[in-house]
N, C-alpha and C. Protein backbone atom coordinates (compact mmCIF):
# COMPACT_ATOMS: atom_id res chain seq x y z
N MET A 1 113.57 118.45 79.54
CA MET A 1 112.02 118.07 79.07
C MET A 1 112.76 119.28 77.67
N ASN A 2 111.62 119.10 76.54
CA ASN A 2 111.29 119.76 75.76
C ASN A 2 111.01 121.64 75.96
N THR A 3 109.28 122.32 76.97
CA THR A 3 109.00 122.53 76.44
C THR A 3 108.33 123.09 78.12
N GLN A 4 108.22 123.93 78.10
CA GLN A 4 106.98 124.93 79.13
C GLN A 4 106.62 124.11 79.38
N ASP A 5 104.80 123.91 78.39
CA ASP A 5 103.66 122.98 78.64
C ASP A 5 104.58 121.46 79.10
N GLU A 6 105.16 121.38 78.59
CA GLU A 6 105.43 119.15 78.94
C GLU A 6 105.55 119.68 80.58
N ARG A 7 106.27 120.43 80.66
CA ARG A 7 106.64 120.36 82.25
C ARG A 7 105.16 120.74 83.33
N THR A 8 104.87 121.70 82.79
CA THR A 8 103.62 122.19 83.56
C THR A 8 103.06 121.09 83.24
N TRP A 9 102.82 120.46 82.46
CA TRP A 9 101.66 119.20 82.43
C TRP A 9 101.90 118.16 83.09
N SER A 10 103.37 117.88 83.56
CA SER A 10 103.94 116.64 84.28
C SER A 10 103.89 116.86 85.68
N MET A 11 104.10 118.48 86.09
CA MET A 11 104.24 119.05 87.09
C MET A 11 102.59 118.82 87.75
N LEU A 12 101.63 119.22 86.81
CA LEU A 12 100.15 118.80 87.58
C LEU A 12 99.69 117.72 87.71
N ALA A 13 101.08 116.59 86.83
CA ALA A 13 100.36 115.44 87.35
C ALA A 13 100.51 114.54 88.42
N HIS A 14 101.48 114.79 89.34
CA HIS A 14 102.34 114.81 90.40
C HIS A 14 101.21 116.13 91.09
N LEU A 15 101.17 116.93 91.24
CA LEU A 15 100.64 118.47 92.43
C LEU A 15 99.06 117.53 92.30
N SER A 16 98.58 117.38 91.26
CA SER A 16 97.09 116.85 91.50
C SER A 16 97.10 115.93 92.48
N SER A 17 97.61 114.82 92.74
CA SER A 17 97.96 114.00 93.84
C SER A 17 97.32 114.50 95.28
N LEU A 18 98.02 115.59 95.05
CA LEU A 18 98.29 115.92 96.77
C LEU A 18 97.28 116.84 96.42
N VAL A 19 96.71 117.44 95.92
CA VAL A 19 95.23 117.65 96.29
C VAL A 19 94.21 116.55 96.07
N GLY A 20 94.24 115.44 95.81
CA GLY A 20 93.33 115.32 95.70
C GLY A 20 93.53 114.85 97.10
N LEU A 21 94.24 114.31 97.88
CA LEU A 21 94.54 113.48 98.94
C LEU A 21 94.76 114.62 100.17
N PHE A 22 94.70 115.78 100.10
CA PHE A 22 94.19 116.86 101.16
C PHE A 22 93.12 117.34 100.63
N PHE A 23 92.27 116.82 99.64
CA PHE A 23 90.74 117.36 99.71
C PHE A 23 89.73 115.89 100.14
N SER A 24 90.53 114.28 99.97
CA SER A 24 89.76 113.48 100.22
C SER A 24 90.10 113.16 101.44
N GLY A 25 91.04 113.87 102.56
CA GLY A 25 91.55 113.32 103.43
C GLY A 25 91.46 111.90 103.53
N THR A 26 91.43 111.19 102.49
CA THR A 26 92.65 109.97 102.11
C THR A 26 93.62 109.58 100.75
N GLY A 27 92.90 110.47 100.34
CA GLY A 27 93.48 109.73 99.53
C GLY A 27 92.81 108.39 98.51
N PHE A 28 92.26 108.12 99.36
CA PHE A 28 91.50 106.25 98.71
C PHE A 28 91.29 107.22 97.29
N ILE A 29 89.98 108.18 97.22
CA ILE A 29 88.76 107.86 96.32
C ILE A 29 89.81 108.90 95.35
N PHE A 30 90.51 110.29 95.16
CA PHE A 30 90.75 111.59 94.63
C PHE A 30 92.36 111.32 94.26
N GLY A 31 93.04 110.32 95.15
CA GLY A 31 94.47 110.65 95.01
C GLY A 31 95.06 110.12 93.33
N PHE A 32 94.33 108.93 93.17
CA PHE A 32 94.94 108.92 91.57
C PHE A 32 93.66 109.51 90.78
N ILE A 33 92.76 110.15 91.10
CA ILE A 33 92.03 110.00 89.79
C ILE A 33 92.96 111.64 88.95
N GLY A 34 93.82 112.33 89.61
CA GLY A 34 94.12 113.70 88.91
C GLY A 34 95.06 113.56 88.17
N PRO A 35 95.70 111.77 88.20
CA PRO A 35 97.07 111.02 87.62
C PRO A 35 96.49 111.39 85.71
N LEU A 36 95.43 110.00 86.79
CA LEU A 36 95.04 109.29 85.70
C LEU A 36 93.82 110.27 84.09
N ILE A 37 93.73 110.93 85.08
CA ILE A 37 92.36 111.58 83.76
C ILE A 37 93.69 112.82 83.18
N ILE A 38 94.66 112.75 83.74
CA ILE A 38 96.21 113.35 82.90
C ILE A 38 96.79 112.46 82.11
N TRP A 39 97.13 111.75 82.11
CA TRP A 39 97.30 110.33 81.05
C TRP A 39 96.58 109.67 80.76
N LEU A 40 95.63 109.54 81.08
CA LEU A 40 94.21 109.52 79.86
C LEU A 40 94.41 110.61 78.69
N LEU A 41 94.08 112.49 78.96
CA LEU A 41 93.59 113.00 77.92
C LEU A 41 95.08 113.47 76.99
N LYS A 42 96.40 113.17 77.66
CA LYS A 42 98.13 113.85 76.92
C LYS A 42 98.31 112.45 76.71
N LYS A 43 98.55 111.36 76.23
CA LYS A 43 99.28 110.25 76.31
C LYS A 43 99.59 109.66 75.11
N ASP A 44 98.76 110.80 73.91
CA ASP A 44 98.98 110.62 72.09
C ASP A 44 99.31 112.20 72.08
N GLN A 45 99.38 112.81 72.97
CA GLN A 45 100.33 114.17 72.49
C GLN A 45 101.81 114.71 72.98
N SER A 46 101.90 113.40 74.38
CA SER A 46 103.89 114.02 74.46
C SER A 46 104.07 112.72 75.44
N HIS A 47 105.17 111.67 74.94
CA HIS A 47 105.62 110.80 75.99
C HIS A 47 106.27 111.63 77.08
N ILE A 48 106.71 112.70 77.07
CA ILE A 48 106.59 113.20 78.45
C ILE A 48 105.45 113.32 79.51
N ILE A 49 105.04 113.59 79.38
CA ILE A 49 103.95 114.04 79.65
C ILE A 49 103.42 112.78 80.14
N ALA A 50 102.97 111.69 79.26
CA ALA A 50 102.57 110.82 79.64
C ALA A 50 103.11 109.67 80.78
N GLU A 51 104.48 109.75 80.42
CA GLU A 51 105.58 109.54 81.77
C GLU A 51 105.63 109.44 82.87
N ASN A 52 105.06 110.39 83.34
CA ASN A 52 105.24 111.68 84.48
C ASN A 52 103.69 111.27 85.14
N ALA A 53 102.88 111.15 84.20
CA ALA A 53 101.87 110.64 84.79
C ALA A 53 101.41 109.68 85.09
N LYS A 54 101.88 108.09 84.15
CA LYS A 54 102.11 106.88 84.56
C LYS A 54 102.56 106.77 86.43
N GLU A 55 103.63 107.87 86.16
CA GLU A 55 104.48 107.51 87.24
C GLU A 55 103.76 107.97 88.62
N ALA A 56 103.15 108.73 88.54
CA ALA A 56 101.85 109.44 89.21
C ALA A 56 100.99 108.98 89.64
N LEU A 57 100.31 108.12 88.07
CA LEU A 57 99.59 107.20 89.11
C LEU A 57 99.85 105.56 89.18
N ASN A 58 101.16 105.11 89.60
CA ASN A 58 101.09 104.33 89.39
C ASN A 58 101.46 104.28 91.36
N PHE A 59 102.32 106.09 91.82
CA PHE A 59 102.24 105.92 92.89
C PHE A 59 101.25 106.20 93.57
N ASN A 60 100.15 106.36 93.51
CA ASN A 60 99.15 106.92 94.12
C ASN A 60 98.79 105.82 93.96
N ILE A 61 98.93 104.45 93.29
CA ILE A 61 97.99 103.27 93.36
C ILE A 61 98.38 102.98 94.53
N THR A 62 99.77 102.65 94.90
CA THR A 62 100.41 101.63 95.51
C THR A 62 101.12 102.13 96.40
N TYR A 63 100.71 103.84 97.13
CA TYR A 63 100.54 104.34 98.53
C TYR A 63 98.72 104.22 98.77
N THR A 64 98.06 104.32 98.05
CA THR A 64 95.99 104.40 98.14
C THR A 64 96.14 102.11 98.75
N ILE A 65 96.68 101.42 98.54
CA ILE A 65 97.27 100.30 99.08
C ILE A 65 97.85 100.23 99.99
N PHE A 66 98.72 101.24 100.71
CA PHE A 66 100.41 101.34 101.85
C PHE A 66 98.72 102.01 102.78
N SER A 67 97.92 102.92 102.57
CA SER A 67 97.06 103.33 103.11
C SER A 67 96.26 102.36 103.62
N VAL A 68 95.03 101.34 103.12
CA VAL A 68 94.49 100.86 103.40
C VAL A 68 95.14 99.31 104.40
N ILE A 69 95.99 99.20 104.28
CA ILE A 69 96.85 98.22 105.25
C ILE A 69 97.11 98.66 106.13
N ALA A 70 97.48 99.52 106.33
CA ALA A 70 97.73 100.59 107.95
C ALA A 70 96.89 101.40 108.91
N LEU A 71 95.60 101.26 107.30
CA LEU A 71 94.14 100.90 108.08
C LEU A 71 93.94 99.71 108.85
N LEU A 72 94.64 99.24 108.22
CA LEU A 72 93.57 97.81 108.46
C LEU A 72 94.17 97.21 110.27
N SER A 73 95.81 97.44 109.77
CA SER A 73 96.94 97.20 111.03
C SER A 73 96.66 98.46 112.39
N VAL A 74 95.68 98.91 111.86
CA VAL A 74 95.10 99.45 113.73
C VAL A 74 94.44 98.81 114.25
N PHE A 75 94.33 97.25 114.29
CA PHE A 75 93.17 96.27 114.95
C PHE A 75 95.01 96.05 115.75
N LEU A 76 95.98 96.16 114.98
CA LEU A 76 97.44 94.85 115.60
C LEU A 76 98.35 96.26 116.13
N LEU A 77 97.04 97.37 116.75
CA LEU A 77 97.75 98.15 117.25
C LEU A 77 99.19 98.91 116.74
N ILE A 78 99.62 99.12 115.33
CA ILE A 78 101.05 99.04 114.78
C ILE A 78 100.29 100.48 114.10
N GLY A 79 98.88 100.49 113.34
CA GLY A 79 98.15 101.67 112.12
C GLY A 79 98.60 102.41 113.26
N PHE A 80 98.72 103.16 113.88
CA PHE A 80 98.85 104.19 114.82
C PHE A 80 100.21 105.60 114.94
N ILE A 81 101.00 104.01 114.92
CA ILE A 81 102.13 104.95 113.79
C ILE A 81 102.29 104.58 112.41
N LEU A 82 101.91 103.68 111.82
CA LEU A 82 101.73 103.69 110.20
C LEU A 82 101.65 104.72 109.50
N ILE A 83 99.42 104.45 109.94
CA ILE A 83 98.97 106.17 109.02
C ILE A 83 99.96 106.54 108.91
N PRO A 84 100.35 108.23 109.91
CA PRO A 84 101.01 108.74 110.26
C PRO A 84 101.67 108.68 109.02
N ALA A 85 102.47 107.96 108.90
CA ALA A 85 103.95 107.45 108.85
C ALA A 85 103.79 107.10 106.98
N VAL A 86 102.81 106.65 106.29
CA VAL A 86 102.17 105.97 104.99
C VAL A 86 102.16 108.18 104.53
N TYR A 87 101.42 109.08 105.36
CA TYR A 87 101.07 110.36 104.96
C TYR A 87 102.35 111.09 104.90
N VAL A 88 103.33 111.04 105.32
CA VAL A 88 104.13 111.72 105.82
C VAL A 88 104.57 111.82 104.57
N VAL A 89 105.34 110.16 104.20
CA VAL A 89 106.17 109.87 102.99
C VAL A 89 105.31 110.17 101.36
N TRP A 90 103.56 109.67 101.85
CA TRP A 90 102.83 110.27 99.98
C TRP A 90 103.20 112.03 100.04
N ILE A 91 103.52 112.28 100.83
CA ILE A 91 103.40 113.75 101.03
C ILE A 91 104.74 114.11 100.38
N VAL A 92 105.71 113.70 100.94
CA VAL A 92 106.90 114.31 101.35
C VAL A 92 107.26 113.57 99.32
N PHE A 93 107.28 112.52 98.98
CA PHE A 93 107.29 111.84 97.73
C PHE A 93 107.08 113.04 96.60
N ALA A 94 105.79 113.55 96.34
CA ALA A 94 104.53 114.01 95.84
C ALA A 94 105.81 115.18 95.76
N ILE A 95 105.64 115.53 96.93
CA ILE A 95 106.88 117.23 96.67
C ILE A 95 107.73 117.43 95.39
N ILE A 96 108.62 116.34 96.68
CA ILE A 96 109.72 115.96 96.27
C ILE A 96 109.51 116.19 94.05
N ALA A 97 108.73 115.09 94.19
CA ALA A 97 108.31 114.92 92.28
C ALA A 97 108.22 116.59 91.53
N THR A 98 107.20 116.96 92.21
CA THR A 98 106.92 117.80 92.01
C THR A 98 107.49 118.98 91.70
N VAL A 99 108.75 119.33 91.78
CA VAL A 99 109.38 119.80 92.26
C VAL A 99 110.70 119.29 91.32
N LYS A 100 111.20 118.59 91.44
CA LYS A 100 112.04 117.98 90.29
C LYS A 100 112.00 117.98 88.95
N THR A 101 110.03 117.87 88.69
CA THR A 101 109.69 117.91 87.52
C THR A 101 109.05 119.22 87.00
N ASN A 102 109.17 120.44 87.39
CA ASN A 102 109.24 121.33 87.58
C ASN A 102 110.36 121.75 86.97
N GLN A 103 111.53 121.30 87.19
CA GLN A 103 112.72 121.74 87.16
C GLN A 103 113.09 121.27 85.45
N GLY A 104 112.79 120.41 85.43
CA GLY A 104 113.00 120.09 84.07
C GLY A 104 113.77 118.24 84.13
N GLN A 105 113.85 117.48 85.28
CA GLN A 105 114.15 116.27 85.67
C GLN A 105 112.77 115.56 85.57
N HIS A 106 113.16 114.29 85.36
CA HIS A 106 112.23 113.49 84.95
C HIS A 106 112.29 112.55 86.32
N TYR A 107 111.15 112.41 87.40
CA TYR A 107 111.69 111.79 88.72
C TYR A 107 110.76 110.09 88.64
N ARG A 108 111.79 109.91 89.20
CA ARG A 108 111.15 108.38 89.31
C ARG A 108 111.19 108.30 91.06
N TYR A 109 109.49 107.38 91.60
CA TYR A 109 109.00 107.71 93.09
C TYR A 109 109.89 105.94 93.31
N PRO A 110 110.85 106.20 94.83
CA PRO A 110 111.38 104.56 94.84
C PRO A 110 110.08 103.71 95.84
N PHE A 111 110.09 102.58 95.46
CA PHE A 111 109.03 101.39 96.46
C PHE A 111 108.11 101.49 96.32
N ILE A 112 108.19 101.98 94.58
CA ILE A 112 106.01 101.56 94.02
C ILE A 112 105.93 100.40 93.64
N PHE A 113 104.90 99.95 92.94
CA PHE A 113 104.46 98.93 92.10
C PHE A 113 104.09 100.35 91.37
N ARG A 114 104.65 99.02 89.79
CA ARG A 114 104.17 99.26 88.53
C ARG A 114 103.03 99.17 87.94
N PHE A 115 102.40 99.35 87.73
CA PHE A 115 100.87 98.44 87.66
C PHE A 115 100.77 99.62 86.23
N VAL A 116 100.70 100.09 85.89
CA VAL A 116 100.36 100.89 84.30
C VAL A 116 102.13 101.19 83.97
N LYS A 117 102.29 100.85 82.97
CA LYS A 117 103.17 100.40 81.77
C LYS A 117 103.09 101.16 80.64
C-alpha cells in the first residue's frame, strides 16, 4: 500500500464491520453499512481503499446471509451450533483482515461470495 492514509481507511473498512456487528448484536443491519459508506466515499480517490472496502462489503453481505440461514436452521436444531460458529468465524476473519490491512497487505476473505465487483 502506498500511504498511511490508504492503510487507515482500508483498515477502517474492515474494522467497521466489527463495530456494526457488536452494536447491532446480529450484523443484519449495521454489519455492512460501514464498508458501504467507506466504499462510496473513497472509491474515486483510491483504488486500494475501494478494493478493501469492496472486500469487506462482500464479506459482510455473505456472513449476513450465513447468519440468516443459521437462524432459520434453529428449527432443525442444528442452528444452535451454527449461530455461534458463524459469529466466531465472522469476528476472527474481520480481525485478521484488519490486522493484515494495517500491516499494508491486501487480505482476501476465504469462502465468500463477491457480489460487488
